[in-house]
Structure formats: structure tokens, C-alpha cells
Amino acid sequence: MGGGEAGGGRRIVVGIDGSAPSKAALRWAVGQATLTGAVVHVVAAWEYPALYGWFAPMTDNGFEESARRTLTAEVDEVVGADRPVEIRESLVLGHAAEVLLEAAENADLLVLGSRGRGTFARTLLGSVSVRCAVHGACPVVIVRADGTASAAPRAVAATDTTAGPGPTGGSTVRTKDWQLNLHVVEDRDTTRVHAVLDADGTLLHSDAQARRNPRDEPAPAVGDEFAVGRALVDLGHQLLRAGTHGATEPAEG
């Protein structure tokens, strides 16, 4: 394994969400930590529901408390009271993939549960697992609900040499301009966005919206930001799916 945390300790990060594959991943991580002497860092991400409104009331801690109870309950159920290894728990507000990638920056291993039934690339395209496999700084292991595990493939960018070697003998540097168009419509309490990305000749489309909670004050600019942000996130997922598919599928002869 890699360098672990500062101070030389080994650390295995495992993402959990209360599902059966998540529990299998935690069980596998504990078993691996028992063999290697690593600390198991259990990480759960939580977010306010997307349709709760433009602004989530900061005084309402119900979502966070529910997520914390789920985290503790899952650890207690899988590991039990007599914990064979050191367990650390973290509950973080944010998108699951971003939270896990940050938590695993200096880890030796990132372990995630798989909800898929087929190969990793075909069943989890665009999922949290794929984003972590593509962007993770450490090895990623995917554990299925039956406890079987496999290393996630890492996407490798191909070098384009069709233009021949450059002046210094290396590959020719190419620049591209991708065009993004956003059409924003504000209709009373709802903001709708249609986004079109011209990715070097391939057009990707996304539709998203944001609806103001009746308890919130009118704030059109905020609605624009939420709607556009959701459209861009969807475009990002489409690009990740395309990139993962291109990196893991065999080249056509």
C-alpha cells in the first residue's frame, strides 16, 4: 500500500450509505485492516434534499442527525461492540464523490460498495464509484453485496500522435474550444435551464430546474444558480460516463 497518513499509519477509507453493498464494503475493509494493521476511516456524506427549497433552514438539524444515526447504526451492526481494529467515523456535508475523494487523499485504500450486477464499467457508469475510480489518489476497491471484491480500473488518457512528433520529439500539443450555451427561463417561482455542450463535435444536452420553496423570499438570481448548477452537474456526469466508457471498452479493430 501507499504512504498512509502523516506519521506512517495505514488508513483505509470506506464509504457507507446504509445499503447492503455498503455494509459488505465496510465488512471487507475491516477484514483488510485486521490483516494490515490499518485504521478504518468510515465516511458518510449527507446533503439536504434537492427539492427542499433554494435555501435549507440552517436551524433544522434533522437531516444531519438522521444521517449520523444511520452511520453509527451501520458501524455497530457490521463491526459490533468488540471492534477488532480502530474505527474512525466522519459525517460530512457534501456530494458523496467529492467527500470521499477528499477523505481518501492520503489514504492507502478507498473501499466502496457496488450496486451493479455486471462489470464495473458497465453497471456503475456515472456513479460515485466511477468518479472515485477515475479521480482517486489511491487504489479503489469495489465490493459487491455478496462480499466479493475487485480493483476498480483506472482511466488512462490516451496520447494523440496522429499529427506526428513536435519540434522537441514529443507529442504535438493540441488545443480545443468547447462551446457551452445556456438558455435560462424564469417563470414565477420556477427557473428552467436548457444546456447544450458542443464537445468537439459531439452535442450533449441537459435540462434542469429549480423551484422556490414557498417559505423563501423571491430570489431569481439564486434560482438561476441552482438550475444552472444542476444542468452543469448533469453534463459533467454525461462526460464522465463517456470518458469511462472510452477508457475501459476495448478498442475497435
C-alpha atoms as a PDB file:
ATOM      1  CA  MET A   1       0.000   0.000   0.000  1.00  0.00           C
ATOM      2  CA  GLY A   2       0.937   3.685  -0.198  1.00  0.00           C
ATOM      3  CA  GLY A   3       2.151   6.160   2.324  1.00  0.00           C
ATOM      4  CA  GLY A   4      -0.939   6.428   4.511  1.00  0.00           C
ATOM      5  CA  GLU A   5      -1.347   9.356   6.850  1.00  0.00           C
ATOM      6  CA  ALA A   6       1.330  11.665   8.107  1.00  0.00           C
ATOM      7  CA  GLY A   7       3.033   9.772  10.872  1.00  0.00           C
ATOM      8  CA  GLY A   8       3.231   6.467   8.987  1.00  0.00           C
ATOM      9  CA  GLY A   9      -0.098   4.942   9.986  1.00  0.00           C
ATOM     10  CA  ARG A  10      -2.031   2.926   7.432  1.00  0.00           C
ATOM     11  CA  ARG A  11      -5.550   4.096   6.728  1.00  0.00           C
ATOM     12  CA  ILE A  12      -8.397   2.508   4.776  1.00  0.00           C
ATOM     13  CA  VAL A  13     -11.282   4.811   3.868  1.00  0.00           C
ATOM     14  CA  VAL A  14     -14.661   3.165   3.321  1.00  0.00           C
ATOM     15  CA  GLY A  15     -17.757   4.999   2.129  1.00  0.00           C
ATOM     16  CA  ILE A  16     -21.082   3.895   3.559  1.00  0.00           C
ATOM     17  CA  ASP A  17     -24.717   4.790   2.893  1.00  0.00           C
ATOM     18  CA  GLY A  18     -26.775   2.162   4.724  1.00  0.00           C
ATOM     19  CA  SER A  19     -27.188  -0.182   1.731  1.00  0.00           C
ATOM     20  CA  ALA A  20     -26.286  -3.878   1.610  1.00  0.00           C
ATOM     21  CA  PRO A  21     -23.247  -3.305  -0.672  1.00  0.00           C
ATOM     22  CA  SER A  22     -22.135  -0.532   1.688  1.00  0.00           C
ATOM     23  CA  LYS A  23     -22.223  -2.930   4.629  1.00  0.00           C
ATOM     24  CA  ALA A  24     -20.297  -5.518   2.614  1.00  0.00           C
ATOM     25  CA  ALA A  25     -17.676  -2.868   1.811  1.00  0.00           C
ATOM     26  CA  LEU A  26     -17.300  -1.986   5.489  1.00  0.00           C
ATOM     27  CA  ARG A  27     -17.002  -5.656   6.421  1.00  0.00           C
ATOM     28  CA  TRP A  28     -14.316  -6.156   3.753  1.00  0.00           C
ATOM     29  CA  ALA A  29     -12.421  -3.048   4.886  1.00  0.00           C
ATOM     30  CA  VAL A  30     -12.370  -4.259   8.499  1.00  0.00           C
ATOM     31  CA  GLY A  31     -11.045  -7.632   7.361  1.00  0.00           C
ATOM     32  CA  GLN A  32      -8.321  -5.975   5.315  1.00  0.00           C
ATOM     33  CA  ALA A  33      -7.403  -3.683   8.208  1.00  0.00           C
ATOM     34  CA  THR A  34      -7.117  -6.684  10.521  1.00  0.00           C
ATOM     35  CA  LEU A  35      -4.536  -8.173   8.168  1.00  0.00           C
ATOM     36  CA  THR A  36      -2.544  -4.986   7.615  1.00  0.00           C
ATOM     37  CA  GLY A  37      -2.888  -3.145  10.934  1.00  0.00           C
ATOM     38  CA  ALA A  38      -4.625  -0.212   9.293  1.00  0.00           C
ATOM     39  CA  VAL A  39      -7.160   2.173  10.762  1.00  0.00           C
ATOM     40  CA  VAL A  40     -10.610   2.047   9.154  1.00  0.00           C
ATOM     41  CA  HIS A  41     -11.938   5.527   8.425  1.00  0.00           C
ATOM     42  CA  VAL A  42     -15.693   5.237   7.848  1.00  0.00           C
ATOM     43  CA  VAL A  43     -17.037   8.183   5.858  1.00  0.00           C
ATOM     44  CA  ALA A  44     -20.663   9.058   5.130  1.00  0.00           C
ATOM     45  CA  ALA A  45     -21.821  12.068   3.119  1.00  0.00           C
ATOM     46  CA  TRP A  46     -25.155  13.791   3.514  1.00  0.00           C
ATOM     47  CA  GLU A  47     -26.983  16.538   1.643  1.00  0.00           C
ATOM     48  CA  TYR A  48     -30.183  18.482   2.080  1.00  0.00           C
ATOM     49  CA  PRO A  49     -32.887  17.067  -0.211  1.00  0.00           C
ATOM     50  CA  ALA A  50     -32.659  18.689  -3.644  1.00  0.00           C
ATOM     51  CA  LEU A  51     -36.301  19.766  -3.643  1.00  0.00           C
ATOM     52  CA  TYR A  52     -36.304  21.173  -0.110  1.00  0.00           C
ATOM     53  CA  GLY A  53     -36.039  24.680  -1.460  1.00  0.00           C
ATOM     54  CA  TRP A  54     -33.438  27.146  -2.591  1.00  0.00           C
ATOM     55  CA  PHE A  55     -32.412  27.702   0.994  1.00  0.00           C
ATOM     56  CA  ALA A  56     -32.376  24.932   3.580  1.00  0.00           C
ATOM     57  CA  PRO A  57     -33.142  26.242   7.095  1.00  0.00           C
ATOM     58  CA  MET A  58     -29.863  26.067   8.986  1.00  0.00           C
ATOM     59  CA  THR A  59     -31.683  25.665  12.302  1.00  0.00           C
ATOM     60  CA  ASP A  60     -33.167  22.340  11.187  1.00  0.00           C
ATOM     61  CA  ASN A  61     -30.634  19.627  12.025  1.00  0.00           C
ATOM     62  CA  GLY A  62     -32.985  16.742  11.287  1.00  0.00           C
ATOM     63  CA  PHE A  63     -31.226  15.672   8.092  1.00  0.00           C
ATOM     64  CA  GLU A  64     -27.793  15.639   9.692  1.00  0.00           C
ATOM     65  CA  GLU A  65     -28.999  13.843  12.810  1.00  0.00           C
ATOM     66  CA  SER A  66     -30.714  11.186  10.699  1.00  0.00           C
ATOM     67  CA  ALA A  67     -27.542  10.670   8.664  1.00  0.00           C
ATOM     68  CA  ARG A  68     -25.449  10.403  11.834  1.00  0.00           C
ATOM     69  CA  ARG A  69     -27.789   7.784  13.292  1.00  0.00           C
ATOM     70  CA  THR A  70     -27.532   5.795  10.055  1.00  0.00           C
ATOM     71  CA  LEU A  71     -23.738   5.999  10.161  1.00  0.00           C
ATOM     72  CA  THR A  72     -23.484   4.844  13.774  1.00  0.00           C
ATOM     73  CA  ALA A  73     -26.088   2.106  13.326  1.00  0.00           C
ATOM     74  CA  GLU A  74     -24.319   0.673  10.285  1.00  0.00           C
ATOM     75  CA  VAL A  75     -20.937   0.610  12.022  1.00  0.00           C
ATOM     76  CA  ASP A  76     -22.444  -1.031  15.115  1.00  0.00           C
ATOM     77  CA  GLU A  77     -24.310  -3.608  13.015  1.00  0.00           C
ATOM     78  CA  VAL A  78     -21.333  -4.614  10.874  1.00  0.00           C
ATOM     79  CA  VAL A  79     -18.418  -4.272  13.284  1.00  0.00           C
ATOM     80  CA  GLY A  80     -20.089  -4.855  16.633  1.00  0.00           C
ATOM     81  CA  ALA A  81     -19.142  -3.623  20.085  1.00  0.00           C
ATOM     82  CA  ASP A  82     -15.838  -5.538  20.260  1.00  0.00           C
ATOM     83  CA  ARG A  83     -14.090  -3.783  17.397  1.00  0.00           C
ATOM     84  CA  PRO A  84     -11.065  -5.729  16.110  1.00  0.00           C
ATOM     85  CA  VAL A  85      -9.467  -2.598  14.611  1.00  0.00           C
ATOM     86  CA  GLU A  86      -9.514   1.125  15.243  1.00  0.00           C
ATOM     87  CA  ILE A  87     -12.584   2.727  13.672  1.00  0.00           C
ATOM     88  CA  ARG A  88     -12.912   6.424  12.930  1.00  0.00           C
ATOM     89  CA  GLU A  89     -16.223   7.899  11.834  1.00  0.00           C
ATOM     90  CA  SER A  90     -16.790  11.045   9.757  1.00  0.00           C
ATOM     91  CA  LEU A  91     -20.089  12.551   8.644  1.00  0.00           C
ATOM     92  CA  VAL A  92     -19.570  15.293   6.054  1.00  0.00           C
ATOM     93  CA  LEU A  93     -21.999  17.645   4.333  1.00  0.00           C
ATOM     94  CA  GLY A  94     -21.458  17.471   0.568  1.00  0.00           C
ATOM     95  CA  HIS A  95     -21.698  15.341  -2.545  1.00  0.00           C
ATOM     96  CA  ALA A  96     -20.638  11.757  -1.826  1.00  0.00           C
ATOM     97  CA  ALA A  97     -17.950  11.508  -4.516  1.00  0.00           C
ATOM     98  CA  GLU A  98     -16.323  14.804  -3.558  1.00  0.00           C
ATOM     99  CA  VAL A  99     -16.424  13.943   0.149  1.00  0.00           C
ATOM    100  CA  LEU A 100     -14.868  10.516  -0.410  1.00  0.00           C
ATOM    101  CA  LEU A 101     -12.175  11.782  -2.778  1.00  0.00           C
ATOM    102  CA  GLU A 102     -11.094  14.381  -0.237  1.00  0.00           C
ATOM    103  CA  ALA A 103     -11.145  11.893   2.640  1.00  0.00           C
ATOM    104  CA  ALA A 104      -9.017   9.414   0.667  1.00  0.00           C
ATOM    105  CA  GLU A 105      -6.337  11.892  -0.454  1.00  0.00           C
ATOM    106  CA  ASN A 106      -3.680  10.469   1.874  1.00  0.00           C
ATOM    107  CA  ALA A 107      -5.226   7.029   2.400  1.00  0.00           C
ATOM    108  CA  ASP A 108      -3.782   3.655   1.409  1.00  0.00           C
ATOM    109  CA  LEU A 109      -7.070   2.360   0.039  1.00  0.00           C
ATOM    110  CA  LEU A 110     -10.608   3.522  -0.718  1.00  0.00           C
ATOM    111  CA  VAL A 111     -13.319   0.862  -0.424  1.00  0.00           C
ATOM    112  CA  LEU A 112     -16.812   1.317  -1.876  1.00  0.00           C
ATOM    113  CA  GLY A 113     -19.899  -0.821  -2.283  1.00  0.00           C
ATOM    114  CA  SER A 114     -21.208  -1.692  -5.747  1.00  0.00           C
ATOM    115  CA  ARG A 115     -24.897  -1.795  -6.608  1.00  0.00           C
ATOM    116  CA  GLY A 116     -24.213  -3.278 -10.040  1.00  0.00           C
ATOM    117  CA  ARG A 117     -24.607  -6.875 -11.176  1.00  0.00           C
ATOM    118  CA  GLY A 118     -22.231  -6.834 -14.153  1.00  0.00           C
ATOM    119  CA  THR A 119     -18.802  -5.441 -14.860  1.00  0.00           C
ATOM    120  CA  PHE A 120     -17.737  -2.312 -13.057  1.00  0.00           C
ATOM    121  CA  ALA A 121     -17.587  -0.074 -16.107  1.00  0.00           C
ATOM    122  CA  ARG A 122     -20.980  -1.090 -17.469  1.00  0.00           C
ATOM    123  CA  THR A 123     -23.042  -1.076 -14.302  1.00  0.00           C
ATOM    124  CA  LEU A 124     -21.683   1.952 -12.450  1.00  0.00           C
ATOM    125  CA  LEU A 125     -21.136   4.488 -15.220  1.00  0.00           C
ATOM    126  CA  GLY A 126     -21.617   7.962 -13.833  1.00  0.00           C
ATOM    127  CA  SER A 127     -21.885   6.723 -10.248  1.00  0.00           C
ATOM    128  CA  VAL A 128     -19.968   7.732  -7.155  1.00  0.00           C
ATOM    129  CA  SER A 129     -17.778   4.649  -7.585  1.00  0.00           C
ATOM    130  CA  VAL A 130     -16.740   5.618 -11.100  1.00  0.00           C
ATOM    131  CA  ARG A 131     -15.883   9.189 -10.127  1.00  0.00           C
ATOM    132  CA  CYS A 132     -13.741   7.909  -7.271  1.00  0.00           C
ATOM    133  CA  ALA A 133     -12.047   5.329  -9.512  1.00  0.00           C
ATOM    134  CA  VAL A 134     -11.250   7.927 -12.163  1.00  0.00           C
ATOM    135  CA  HIS A 135     -10.134  10.736  -9.864  1.00  0.00           C
ATOM    136  CA  GLY A 136      -8.977   8.941  -6.720  1.00  0.00           C
ATOM    137  CA  ALA A 137      -5.438   9.497  -5.453  1.00  0.00           C
ATOM    138  CA  CYS A 138      -5.228   5.959  -4.037  1.00  0.00           C
ATOM    139  CA  PRO A 139      -6.279   2.462  -5.200  1.00  0.00           C
ATOM    140  CA  VAL A 140     -10.052   1.871  -5.160  1.00  0.00           C
ATOM    141  CA  VAL A 141     -11.675  -1.462  -4.326  1.00  0.00           C
ATOM    142  CA  ILE A 142     -15.289  -2.190  -5.247  1.00  0.00           C
ATOM    143  CA  VAL A 143     -17.144  -4.691  -3.035  1.00  0.00           C
ATOM    144  CA  ARG A 144     -20.405  -6.308  -4.106  1.00  0.00           C
ATOM    145  CA  ALA A 145     -23.210  -7.240  -1.741  1.00  0.00           C
ATOM    146  CA  ASP A 146     -22.046 -10.889  -1.700  1.00  0.00           C
ATOM    147  CA  GLY A 147     -18.674  -9.785  -0.315  1.00  0.00           C
ATOM    148  CA  THR A 148     -16.619 -10.339  -3.463  1.00  0.00           C
ATOM    149  CA  ALA A 149     -14.227  -7.527  -4.272  1.00  0.00           C
ATOM    150  CA  SER A 150     -12.347  -6.252  -7.303  1.00  0.00           C
ATOM    151  CA  ALA A 151      -9.987  -3.399  -8.017  1.00  0.00           C
ATOM    152  CA  ALA A 152     -11.607  -0.571  -9.931  1.00  0.00           C
ATOM    153  CA  PRO A 153      -9.987   0.139 -13.304  1.00  0.00           C
ATOM    154  CA  ARG A 154      -8.198   3.462 -13.539  1.00  0.00           C
ATOM    155  CA  ALA A 155      -8.944   5.551 -16.613  1.00  0.00           C
ATOM    156  CA  VAL A 156      -5.821   6.413 -18.568  1.00  0.00           C
ATOM    157  CA  ALA A 157      -5.804   9.241 -21.078  1.00  0.00           C
ATOM    158  CA  ALA A 158      -4.531   8.194 -24.498  1.00  0.00           C
ATOM    159  CA  THR A 159      -1.836  10.297 -26.138  1.00  0.00           C
ATOM    160  CA  ASP A 160      -2.751  11.560 -29.569  1.00  0.00           C
ATOM    161  CA  THR A 161       0.151  11.210 -32.013  1.00  0.00           C
ATOM    162  CA  THR A 162      -1.757  11.486 -35.270  1.00  0.00           C
ATOM    163  CA  ALA A 163      -0.122  14.827 -36.038  1.00  0.00           C
ATOM    164  CA  GLY A 164       3.377  13.390 -35.660  1.00  0.00           C
ATOM    165  CA  PRO A 165       6.167  14.419 -33.287  1.00  0.00           C
ATOM    166  CA  GLY A 166       6.650  18.031 -32.352  1.00  0.00           C
ATOM    167  CA  PRO A 167       9.831  20.065 -32.631  1.00  0.00           C
ATOM    168  CA  THR A 168      11.261  18.534 -29.461  1.00  0.00           C
ATOM    169  CA  GLY A 169      10.402  14.960 -30.421  1.00  0.00           C
ATOM    170  CA  GLY A 170       7.369  14.695 -28.121  1.00  0.00           C
ATOM    171  CA  SER A 171       3.694  14.558 -28.978  1.00  0.00           C
ATOM    172  CA  THR A 172       2.106  17.544 -30.668  1.00  0.00           C
ATOM    173  CA  VAL A 173       0.179  19.788 -28.292  1.00  0.00           C
ATOM    174  CA  ARG A 174      -3.396  20.414 -29.402  1.00  0.00           C
ATOM    175  CA  THR A 175      -5.876  22.976 -28.168  1.00  0.00           C
ATOM    176  CA  LYS A 176      -9.637  22.764 -28.478  1.00  0.00           C
ATOM    177  CA  ASP A 177     -12.518  25.123 -27.816  1.00  0.00           C
ATOM    178  CA  TRP A 178     -15.718  23.556 -26.490  1.00  0.00           C
ATOM    179  CA  GLN A 179     -18.810  25.726 -26.669  1.00  0.00           C
ATOM    180  CA  LEU A 180     -21.397  25.816 -23.875  1.00  0.00           C
ATOM    181  CA  ASN A 181     -24.785  27.503 -24.356  1.00  0.00           C
ATOM    182  CA  LEU A 182     -27.242  28.040 -21.510  1.00  0.00           C
ATOM    183  CA  HIS A 183     -30.878  29.017 -22.050  1.00  0.00           C
ATOM    184  CA  VAL A 184     -32.417  30.230 -18.761  1.00  0.00           C
ATOM    185  CA  VAL A 185     -36.157  30.789 -18.337  1.00  0.00           C
ATOM    186  CA  GLU A 186     -37.592  32.333 -15.158  1.00  0.00           C
ATOM    187  CA  ASP A 187     -41.271  31.509 -14.758  1.00  0.00           C
ATOM    188  CA  ARG A 188     -42.719  32.755 -11.454  1.00  0.00           C
ATOM    189  CA  ASP A 189     -41.245  30.508  -8.756  1.00  0.00           C
ATOM    190  CA  THR A 190     -39.526  28.147 -11.188  1.00  0.00           C
ATOM    191  CA  THR A 191     -36.300  28.570 -13.125  1.00  0.00           C
ATOM    192  CA  ARG A 192     -35.646  26.223 -16.048  1.00  0.00           C
ATOM    193  CA  VAL A 193     -32.360  25.743 -17.874  1.00  0.00           C
ATOM    194  CA  HIS A 194     -31.556  24.021 -21.147  1.00  0.00           C
ATOM    195  CA  ALA A 195     -27.809  23.483 -21.579  1.00  0.00           C
ATOM    196  CA  VAL A 196     -26.047  22.423 -24.763  1.00  0.00           C
ATOM    197  CA  LEU A 197     -22.359  21.490 -24.815  1.00  0.00           C
ATOM    198  CA  ASP A 198     -20.551  21.122 -28.123  1.00  0.00           C
ATOM    199  CA  ALA A 199     -17.755  18.754 -27.099  1.00  0.00           C
ATOM    200  CA  ASP A 200     -15.557  18.820 -30.178  1.00  0.00           C
ATOM    201  CA  GLY A 201     -18.482  17.997 -32.475  1.00  0.00           C
ATOM    202  CA  THR A 202     -20.449  15.846 -30.035  1.00  0.00           C
ATOM    203  CA  LEU A 203     -23.521  17.608 -28.682  1.00  0.00           C
ATOM    204  CA  LEU A 204     -24.618  16.934 -25.102  1.00  0.00           C
ATOM    205  CA  HIS A 205     -27.933  18.254 -23.799  1.00  0.00           C
ATOM    206  CA  SER A 206     -29.204  18.733 -20.255  1.00  0.00           C
ATOM    207  CA  ASP A 207     -32.424  20.120 -18.764  1.00  0.00           C
ATOM    208  CA  ALA A 208     -32.690  21.179 -15.135  1.00  0.00           C
ATOM    209  CA  GLN A 209     -34.829  23.375 -12.931  1.00  0.00           C
ATOM    210  CA  ALA A 210     -35.013  24.990  -9.502  1.00  0.00           C
ATOM    211  CA  ARG A 211     -38.237  25.738  -7.683  1.00  0.00           C
ATOM    212  CA  ARG A 212     -38.515  28.261  -4.866  1.00  0.00           C
ATOM    213  CA  ASN A 213     -39.837  26.985  -1.588  1.00  0.00           C
ATOM    214  CA  PRO A 214     -42.960  28.999  -0.735  1.00  0.00           C
ATOM    215  CA  ARG A 215     -41.372  29.894   2.606  1.00  0.00           C
ATOM    216  CA  ASP A 216     -38.364  31.506   0.911  1.00  0.00           C
ATOM    217  CA  GLU A 217     -38.180  35.092  -0.234  1.00  0.00           C
ATOM    218  CA  PRO A 218     -38.148  35.602  -4.041  1.00  0.00           C
ATOM    219  CA  ALA A 219     -34.542  35.481  -5.276  1.00  0.00           C
ATOM    220  CA  PRO A 220     -34.347  34.915  -9.046  1.00  0.00           C
ATOM    221  CA  ALA A 221     -30.547  35.020  -9.101  1.00  0.00           C
ATOM    222  CA  VAL A 222     -30.384  32.163  -6.600  1.00  0.00           C
ATOM    223  CA  GLY A 223     -32.818  30.140  -8.698  1.00  0.00           C
ATOM    224  CA  ASP A 224     -30.613  30.710 -11.751  1.00  0.00           C
ATOM    225  CA  GLU A 225     -27.559  29.482  -9.874  1.00  0.00           C
ATOM    226  CA  PHE A 226     -29.242  26.319  -8.633  1.00  0.00           C
ATOM    227  CA  ALA A 227     -30.795  25.462 -12.009  1.00  0.00           C
ATOM    228  CA  VAL A 228     -27.624  26.152 -13.988  1.00  0.00           C
ATOM    229  CA  GLY A 229     -25.554  24.261 -11.426  1.00  0.00           C
ATOM    230  CA  ARG A 230     -27.763  21.194 -11.731  1.00  0.00           C
ATOM    231  CA  ALA A 231     -27.572  21.328 -15.528  1.00  0.00           C
ATOM    232  CA  LEU A 232     -23.780  21.533 -15.400  1.00  0.00           C
ATOM    233  CA  VAL A 233     -23.591  18.640 -12.933  1.00  0.00           C
ATOM    234  CA  ASP A 234     -25.671  16.527 -15.319  1.00  0.00           C
ATOM    235  CA  LEU A 235     -23.396  17.450 -18.225  1.00  0.00           C
ATOM    236  CA  GLY A 236     -20.424  16.501 -16.085  1.00  0.00           C
ATOM    237  CA  HIS A 237     -21.930  13.081 -15.377  1.00  0.00           C
ATOM    238  CA  GLN A 238     -22.514  12.559 -19.087  1.00  0.00           C
ATOM    239  CA  LEU A 239     -18.885  13.403 -19.834  1.00  0.00           C
ATOM    240  CA  LEU A 240     -17.661  11.056 -17.087  1.00  0.00           C
ATOM    241  CA  ARG A 241     -19.795   8.230 -18.453  1.00  0.00           C
ATOM    242  CA  ALA A 242     -18.460   8.811 -21.956  1.00  0.00           C
ATOM    243  CA  GLY A 243     -14.882   9.063 -20.736  1.00  0.00           C
ATOM    244  CA  THR A 244     -15.095   5.930 -18.601  1.00  0.00           C
ATOM    245  CA  HIS A 245     -16.691   4.006 -21.441  1.00  0.00           C
ATOM    246  CA  GLY A 246     -13.934   5.100 -23.803  1.00  0.00           C
ATOM    247  CA  ALA A 247     -11.184   4.241 -21.331  1.00  0.00           C
ATOM    248  CA  THR A 248     -12.457   0.794 -20.345  1.00  0.00           C
ATOM    249  CA  GLU A 249     -14.043  -0.584 -23.527  1.00  0.00           C
ATOM    250  CA  PRO A 250     -11.710  -2.448 -25.905  1.00  0.00           C
ATOM    251  CA  ALA A 251     -10.687  -0.507 -28.984  1.00  0.00           C
ATOM    252  CA  GLU A 252     -12.430  -1.487 -32.180  1.00  0.00           C
ATOM    253  CA  GLY A 253     -10.268  -3.325 -34.670  1.00  0.00           C
END
